[in-house]
Amino acid sequence: MDKKTIWIAAVLALGLAIIAPQLMGKSTEEVSVQQAQSMNQQGALLLDVREPEEYAALHAPQAKLIPLGEVSARMKEIEAYKTKDIVVVCRSGRRSAKAVAILKDAGFIHVHNVQGGMIAWSEAGLETVK
């Protein structure tokens, strides 16, 4: 193969890597804390995947706690949201991104990661429970 063919193949592979998750319904849509709060107020499940002591110290109202390490084992608790919106939050957004992937792989369709997690939620001055 010549350099031009290799370059075109690389660009196509990169493009496919970027759009394949969306085509397969596995995209991770991130939402702001304001969007997450609004979605929760309109019936979306707000799922907090931090540890119990983190949740006890500070959490969003109506947030359901299922620590990241327990998500796979406790999916039956949220089965009713398989085709509804779920907004996943953690401290900063990393654990919630992992939880989003777990839920998507299990067939949950509308799963969203909260950008910045509870740090951003608190900094935005949104309501919290202590």
N, C-alpha and C. Protein backbone atom coordinates (compact mmCIF):
# COMPACT_ATOMS: atom_id res chain seq x y z
N MET A 1 0.84 -1.19 0.00
CA MET A 1 0.00 0.00 0.00
C MET A 1 0.88 1.24 0.00
N ASP A 2 0.39 2.25 -0.69
CA ASP A 2 1.14 3.50 -0.69
C ASP A 2 0.73 4.35 0.52
N LYS A 3 1.43 5.45 0.75
CA LYS A 3 1.18 6.30 1.92
C LYS A 3 -0.22 6.90 1.90
N LYS A 4 -0.71 7.26 0.72
CA LYS A 4 -2.04 7.86 0.63
C LYS A 4 -3.11 6.85 1.06
N THR A 5 -3.00 5.62 0.64
CA THR A 5 -3.97 4.58 1.01
C THR A 5 -3.92 4.32 2.51
N ILE A 6 -2.75 4.28 3.07
CA ILE A 6 -2.59 4.08 4.52
C ILE A 6 -3.22 5.25 5.28
N TRP A 7 -2.97 6.46 4.80
CA TRP A 7 -3.53 7.65 5.44
C TRP A 7 -5.06 7.62 5.39
N ILE A 8 -5.63 7.30 4.27
CA ILE A 8 -7.09 7.23 4.13
C ILE A 8 -7.66 6.14 5.04
N ALA A 9 -7.01 5.01 5.09
CA ALA A 9 -7.47 3.92 5.97
C ALA A 9 -7.42 4.35 7.43
N ALA A 10 -6.39 5.07 7.81
CA ALA A 10 -6.27 5.53 9.20
C ALA A 10 -7.38 6.53 9.54
N VAL A 11 -7.66 7.44 8.63
CA VAL A 11 -8.72 8.43 8.85
C VAL A 11 -10.08 7.73 8.95
N LEU A 12 -10.34 6.77 8.09
CA LEU A 12 -11.60 6.04 8.14
C LEU A 12 -11.73 5.25 9.43
N ALA A 13 -10.65 4.63 9.87
CA ALA A 13 -10.67 3.87 11.12
C ALA A 13 -10.95 4.78 12.30
N LEU A 14 -10.33 5.93 12.31
CA LEU A 14 -10.55 6.89 13.39
C LEU A 14 -12.00 7.37 13.38
N GLY A 15 -12.50 7.69 12.22
CA GLY A 15 -13.90 8.12 12.11
C GLY A 15 -14.86 7.05 12.58
N LEU A 16 -14.61 5.83 12.22
CA LEU A 16 -15.46 4.73 12.66
C LEU A 16 -15.38 4.55 14.17
N ALA A 17 -14.20 4.69 14.73
CA ALA A 17 -14.04 4.56 16.18
C ALA A 17 -14.83 5.64 16.92
N ILE A 18 -14.93 6.81 16.31
CA ILE A 18 -15.66 7.91 16.93
C ILE A 18 -17.16 7.71 16.83
N ILE A 19 -17.65 7.26 15.67
CA ILE A 19 -19.11 7.18 15.50
C ILE A 19 -19.71 5.82 15.82
N ALA A 20 -18.89 4.78 15.91
CA ALA A 20 -19.43 3.44 16.16
C ALA A 20 -20.25 3.35 17.44
N PRO A 21 -19.79 3.93 18.56
CA PRO A 21 -20.61 3.83 19.77
C PRO A 21 -22.01 4.43 19.60
N GLN A 22 -22.10 5.56 18.89
CA GLN A 22 -23.41 6.17 18.67
C GLN A 22 -24.28 5.28 17.79
N LEU A 23 -23.69 4.68 16.78
CA LEU A 23 -24.44 3.82 15.88
C LEU A 23 -24.94 2.57 16.60
N MET A 24 -24.21 2.14 17.60
CA MET A 24 -24.58 0.94 18.34
C MET A 24 -25.45 1.27 19.56
N GLY A 25 -25.81 2.55 19.73
CA GLY A 25 -26.63 2.93 20.86
C GLY A 25 -25.87 2.93 22.17
N LYS A 26 -24.56 3.05 22.13
CA LYS A 26 -23.75 2.98 23.34
C LYS A 26 -23.06 4.31 23.63
N SER A 27 -23.58 5.40 23.10
CA SER A 27 -22.95 6.68 23.34
C SER A 27 -23.16 7.11 24.79
N THR A 28 -22.21 7.85 25.30
CA THR A 28 -22.32 8.37 26.65
C THR A 28 -22.65 9.85 26.52
N GLU A 29 -23.90 10.17 26.71
CA GLU A 29 -24.31 11.55 26.64
C GLU A 29 -24.07 12.19 27.99
N GLU A 30 -23.27 13.24 27.99
CA GLU A 30 -23.03 13.96 29.22
C GLU A 30 -24.02 15.09 29.33
N VAL A 31 -24.44 15.34 30.56
CA VAL A 31 -25.37 16.43 30.83
C VAL A 31 -24.78 17.30 31.94
N SER A 32 -25.15 18.57 31.91
CA SER A 32 -24.71 19.49 32.95
C SER A 32 -25.49 19.19 34.23
N VAL A 33 -25.03 19.74 35.33
CA VAL A 33 -25.75 19.53 36.59
C VAL A 33 -27.14 20.15 36.53
N GLN A 34 -27.27 21.26 35.82
CA GLN A 34 -28.58 21.88 35.68
C GLN A 34 -29.52 20.99 34.86
N GLN A 35 -29.01 20.41 33.79
CA GLN A 35 -29.82 19.48 32.99
C GLN A 35 -30.19 18.25 33.82
N ALA A 36 -29.25 17.75 34.60
CA ALA A 36 -29.50 16.57 35.43
C ALA A 36 -30.61 16.87 36.44
N GLN A 37 -30.53 18.02 37.07
CA GLN A 37 -31.56 18.40 38.05
C GLN A 37 -32.92 18.51 37.37
N SER A 38 -32.98 19.14 36.22
CA SER A 38 -34.23 19.29 35.49
C SER A 38 -34.79 17.93 35.06
N MET A 39 -33.92 17.07 34.56
CA MET A 39 -34.37 15.74 34.14
C MET A 39 -34.92 14.96 35.32
N ASN A 40 -34.26 15.06 36.48
CA ASN A 40 -34.71 14.38 37.68
C ASN A 40 -36.08 14.91 38.10
N GLN A 41 -36.26 16.21 38.04
CA GLN A 41 -37.54 16.82 38.41
C GLN A 41 -38.66 16.38 37.47
N GLN A 42 -38.29 15.97 36.24
CA GLN A 42 -39.28 15.52 35.27
C GLN A 42 -39.41 14.00 35.23
N GLY A 43 -38.84 13.30 36.22
CA GLY A 43 -39.06 11.87 36.32
C GLY A 43 -37.88 10.97 36.04
N ALA A 44 -36.75 11.52 35.64
CA ALA A 44 -35.56 10.68 35.42
C ALA A 44 -35.04 10.19 36.76
N LEU A 45 -34.46 9.00 36.76
CA LEU A 45 -33.80 8.48 37.95
C LEU A 45 -32.45 9.16 38.09
N LEU A 46 -32.18 9.70 39.26
CA LEU A 46 -30.87 10.26 39.56
C LEU A 46 -30.14 9.19 40.38
N LEU A 47 -29.16 8.56 39.78
CA LEU A 47 -28.44 7.45 40.38
C LEU A 47 -27.07 7.90 40.85
N ASP A 48 -26.83 7.82 42.15
CA ASP A 48 -25.56 8.21 42.76
C ASP A 48 -24.74 6.94 42.96
N VAL A 49 -23.55 6.88 42.37
CA VAL A 49 -22.73 5.67 42.42
C VAL A 49 -21.51 5.81 43.33
N ARG A 50 -21.56 6.78 44.23
CA ARG A 50 -20.47 6.94 45.20
C ARG A 50 -20.64 5.94 46.34
N GLU A 51 -19.75 5.98 47.28
CA GLU A 51 -19.80 5.10 48.45
C GLU A 51 -20.78 5.67 49.48
N PRO A 52 -21.33 4.81 50.35
CA PRO A 52 -22.32 5.27 51.33
C PRO A 52 -21.88 6.46 52.19
N GLU A 53 -20.61 6.48 52.60
CA GLU A 53 -20.16 7.60 53.44
C GLU A 53 -20.11 8.91 52.66
N GLU A 54 -19.80 8.85 51.36
CA GLU A 54 -19.81 10.05 50.53
C GLU A 54 -21.24 10.55 50.37
N TYR A 55 -22.15 9.62 50.13
CA TYR A 55 -23.57 9.94 49.97
C TYR A 55 -24.12 10.56 51.25
N ALA A 56 -23.77 9.98 52.40
CA ALA A 56 -24.26 10.48 53.68
C ALA A 56 -23.78 11.91 53.95
N ALA A 57 -22.57 12.22 53.51
CA ALA A 57 -22.01 13.55 53.74
C ALA A 57 -22.71 14.62 52.91
N LEU A 58 -23.09 14.28 51.68
CA LEU A 58 -23.71 15.25 50.78
C LEU A 58 -24.26 14.52 49.56
N HIS A 59 -25.52 14.73 49.24
CA HIS A 59 -26.08 14.16 48.02
C HIS A 59 -27.21 15.03 47.48
N ALA A 60 -27.57 14.79 46.26
CA ALA A 60 -28.67 15.51 45.63
C ALA A 60 -29.99 14.93 46.13
N PRO A 61 -31.00 15.79 46.29
CA PRO A 61 -32.30 15.27 46.71
C PRO A 61 -32.80 14.23 45.70
N GLN A 62 -33.48 13.23 46.19
CA GLN A 62 -34.09 12.17 45.39
C GLN A 62 -33.07 11.25 44.71
N ALA A 63 -31.79 11.39 45.03
CA ALA A 63 -30.78 10.51 44.43
C ALA A 63 -30.87 9.13 45.07
N LYS A 64 -30.81 8.10 44.23
CA LYS A 64 -30.79 6.72 44.69
C LYS A 64 -29.34 6.27 44.74
N LEU A 65 -28.94 5.75 45.87
CA LEU A 65 -27.56 5.30 46.05
C LEU A 65 -27.41 3.83 45.67
N ILE A 66 -26.55 3.59 44.69
CA ILE A 66 -26.07 2.24 44.38
C ILE A 66 -24.58 2.42 44.05
N PRO A 67 -23.69 2.09 44.99
CA PRO A 67 -22.26 2.26 44.74
C PRO A 67 -21.82 1.54 43.46
N LEU A 68 -20.84 2.12 42.80
CA LEU A 68 -20.36 1.57 41.52
C LEU A 68 -20.10 0.08 41.59
N GLY A 69 -19.48 -0.38 42.64
CA GLY A 69 -19.16 -1.80 42.78
C GLY A 69 -20.37 -2.71 42.91
N GLU A 70 -21.54 -2.13 43.14
CA GLU A 70 -22.77 -2.91 43.32
C GLU A 70 -23.75 -2.77 42.16
N VAL A 71 -23.43 -1.93 41.19
CA VAL A 71 -24.37 -1.64 40.10
C VAL A 71 -24.80 -2.92 39.38
N SER A 72 -23.86 -3.75 38.99
CA SER A 72 -24.19 -4.97 38.25
C SER A 72 -25.12 -5.89 39.04
N ALA A 73 -24.86 -6.02 40.33
CA ALA A 73 -25.64 -6.93 41.17
C ALA A 73 -27.01 -6.37 41.55
N ARG A 74 -27.20 -5.07 41.44
CA ARG A 74 -28.45 -4.45 41.90
C ARG A 74 -29.29 -3.86 40.78
N MET A 75 -29.06 -4.27 39.55
CA MET A 75 -29.79 -3.71 38.40
C MET A 75 -31.29 -3.92 38.49
N LYS A 76 -31.72 -4.99 39.14
CA LYS A 76 -33.16 -5.25 39.25
C LYS A 76 -33.88 -4.10 39.95
N GLU A 77 -33.18 -3.40 40.83
CA GLU A 77 -33.76 -2.28 41.57
C GLU A 77 -34.13 -1.11 40.65
N ILE A 78 -33.48 -1.04 39.51
CA ILE A 78 -33.74 0.07 38.59
C ILE A 78 -34.26 -0.40 37.24
N GLU A 79 -34.69 -1.65 37.17
CA GLU A 79 -35.19 -2.26 35.93
C GLU A 79 -36.30 -1.43 35.29
N ALA A 80 -37.11 -0.77 36.10
CA ALA A 80 -38.22 0.04 35.57
C ALA A 80 -37.72 1.20 34.71
N TYR A 81 -36.44 1.53 34.82
CA TYR A 81 -35.86 2.64 34.05
C TYR A 81 -35.08 2.16 32.82
N LYS A 82 -35.27 0.92 32.43
CA LYS A 82 -34.51 0.36 31.30
C LYS A 82 -34.69 1.19 30.02
N THR A 83 -35.89 1.74 29.81
CA THR A 83 -36.15 2.55 28.62
C THR A 83 -36.46 4.01 28.97
N LYS A 84 -36.18 4.38 30.22
CA LYS A 84 -36.40 5.75 30.67
C LYS A 84 -35.06 6.41 30.97
N ASP A 85 -35.10 7.71 31.22
CA ASP A 85 -33.86 8.43 31.50
C ASP A 85 -33.29 8.08 32.87
N ILE A 86 -31.99 7.83 32.88
CA ILE A 86 -31.22 7.66 34.10
C ILE A 86 -30.07 8.65 34.03
N VAL A 87 -29.90 9.43 35.09
CA VAL A 87 -28.82 10.39 35.19
C VAL A 87 -27.90 9.90 36.29
N VAL A 88 -26.64 9.62 35.94
CA VAL A 88 -25.71 9.01 36.88
C VAL A 88 -24.69 10.04 37.36
N VAL A 89 -24.52 10.09 38.68
CA VAL A 89 -23.62 11.07 39.29
C VAL A 89 -22.67 10.38 40.26
N CYS A 90 -21.47 10.93 40.38
CA CYS A 90 -20.50 10.50 41.39
C CYS A 90 -19.85 11.77 41.94
N ARG A 91 -18.64 11.68 42.40
CA ARG A 91 -17.97 12.87 42.93
C ARG A 91 -17.53 13.82 41.82
N SER A 92 -16.88 13.27 40.78
CA SER A 92 -16.32 14.13 39.74
C SER A 92 -16.74 13.76 38.32
N GLY A 93 -17.33 12.59 38.12
CA GLY A 93 -17.74 12.16 36.79
C GLY A 93 -17.05 10.92 36.27
N ARG A 94 -16.03 10.44 36.95
CA ARG A 94 -15.30 9.27 36.47
C ARG A 94 -16.03 7.97 36.78
N ARG A 95 -16.41 7.78 38.04
CA ARG A 95 -17.13 6.54 38.39
C ARG A 95 -18.47 6.47 37.70
N SER A 96 -19.12 7.62 37.56
CA SER A 96 -20.42 7.61 36.90
C SER A 96 -20.29 7.24 35.43
N ALA A 97 -19.19 7.63 34.79
CA ALA A 97 -18.96 7.22 33.40
C ALA A 97 -18.83 5.71 33.30
N LYS A 98 -18.17 5.09 34.28
CA LYS A 98 -18.05 3.63 34.30
C LYS A 98 -19.42 2.99 34.51
N ALA A 99 -20.22 3.58 35.39
CA ALA A 99 -21.57 3.05 35.64
C ALA A 99 -22.44 3.18 34.40
N VAL A 100 -22.30 4.28 33.67
CA VAL A 100 -23.06 4.46 32.43
C VAL A 100 -22.73 3.33 31.46
N ALA A 101 -21.45 3.00 31.32
CA ALA A 101 -21.04 1.92 30.42
C ALA A 101 -21.63 0.58 30.86
N ILE A 102 -21.62 0.32 32.15
CA ILE A 102 -22.19 -0.93 32.67
C ILE A 102 -23.67 -1.02 32.35
N LEU A 103 -24.38 0.07 32.58
CA LEU A 103 -25.83 0.09 32.33
C LEU A 103 -26.13 -0.03 30.83
N LYS A 104 -25.37 0.67 30.00
CA LYS A 104 -25.57 0.56 28.55
C LYS A 104 -25.34 -0.87 28.08
N ASP A 105 -24.29 -1.50 28.58
CA ASP A 105 -24.00 -2.89 28.20
C ASP A 105 -25.11 -3.84 28.64
N ALA A 106 -25.83 -3.47 29.70
CA ALA A 106 -26.92 -4.30 30.21
C ALA A 106 -28.26 -3.99 29.52
N GLY A 107 -28.23 -3.08 28.54
CA GLY A 107 -29.43 -2.80 27.77
C GLY A 107 -30.23 -1.58 28.19
N PHE A 108 -29.74 -0.82 29.16
CA PHE A 108 -30.41 0.43 29.52
C PHE A 108 -30.15 1.42 28.39
N ILE A 109 -31.17 2.14 27.98
CA ILE A 109 -31.08 2.91 26.74
C ILE A 109 -30.71 4.37 26.95
N HIS A 110 -31.36 5.05 27.86
CA HIS A 110 -31.18 6.50 28.02
C HIS A 110 -30.41 6.80 29.30
N VAL A 111 -29.10 6.61 29.25
CA VAL A 111 -28.26 6.78 30.43
C VAL A 111 -27.31 7.95 30.18
N HIS A 112 -27.25 8.85 31.15
CA HIS A 112 -26.48 10.08 30.99
C HIS A 112 -25.51 10.26 32.15
N ASN A 113 -24.33 10.76 31.85
CA ASN A 113 -23.31 11.03 32.85
C ASN A 113 -23.35 12.51 33.22
N VAL A 114 -23.35 12.82 34.53
CA VAL A 114 -23.37 14.21 34.98
C VAL A 114 -21.95 14.77 34.95
N GLN A 115 -21.74 15.79 34.13
CA GLN A 115 -20.42 16.43 34.00
C GLN A 115 -20.02 17.05 35.34
N GLY A 116 -18.86 16.69 35.82
CA GLY A 116 -18.33 17.30 37.03
C GLY A 116 -18.85 16.73 38.33
N GLY A 117 -19.84 15.84 38.26
CA GLY A 117 -20.37 15.15 39.43
C GLY A 117 -20.88 16.07 40.52
N MET A 118 -20.83 15.56 41.75
CA MET A 118 -21.34 16.31 42.89
C MET A 118 -20.48 17.54 43.20
N ILE A 119 -19.24 17.53 42.76
CA ILE A 119 -18.42 18.73 42.92
C ILE A 119 -19.07 19.88 42.15
N ALA A 120 -19.40 19.63 40.88
CA ALA A 120 -20.04 20.66 40.06
C ALA A 120 -21.44 20.99 40.56
N TRP A 121 -22.15 19.97 41.03
CA TRP A 121 -23.51 20.17 41.55
C TRP A 121 -23.48 21.17 42.72
N SER A 122 -22.57 20.92 43.65
CA SER A 122 -22.43 21.77 44.82
C SER A 122 -21.95 23.17 44.43
N GLU A 123 -20.96 23.24 43.55
CA GLU A 123 -20.43 24.53 43.11
C GLU A 123 -21.48 25.36 42.39
N ALA A 124 -22.43 24.70 41.73
CA ALA A 124 -23.50 25.41 41.01
C ALA A 124 -24.57 25.94 41.98
N GLY A 125 -24.45 25.56 43.25
CA GLY A 125 -25.41 26.03 44.24
C GLY A 125 -26.75 25.31 44.18
N LEU A 126 -26.76 24.12 43.56
CA LEU A 126 -28.00 23.35 43.49
C LEU A 126 -28.28 22.71 44.84
N GLU A 127 -29.54 22.40 45.08
CA GLU A 127 -29.96 21.85 46.37
C GLU A 127 -29.25 20.54 46.68
N THR A 128 -28.83 20.40 47.93
CA THR A 128 -28.19 19.17 48.39
C THR A 128 -28.79 18.79 49.75
N VAL A 129 -28.58 17.54 50.11
CA VAL A 129 -28.99 17.02 51.41
C VAL A 129 -27.72 16.61 52.13
N LYS A 130 -27.62 17.02 53.40
CA LYS A 130 -26.43 16.67 54.20
C LYS A 130 -26.84 15.75 55.32
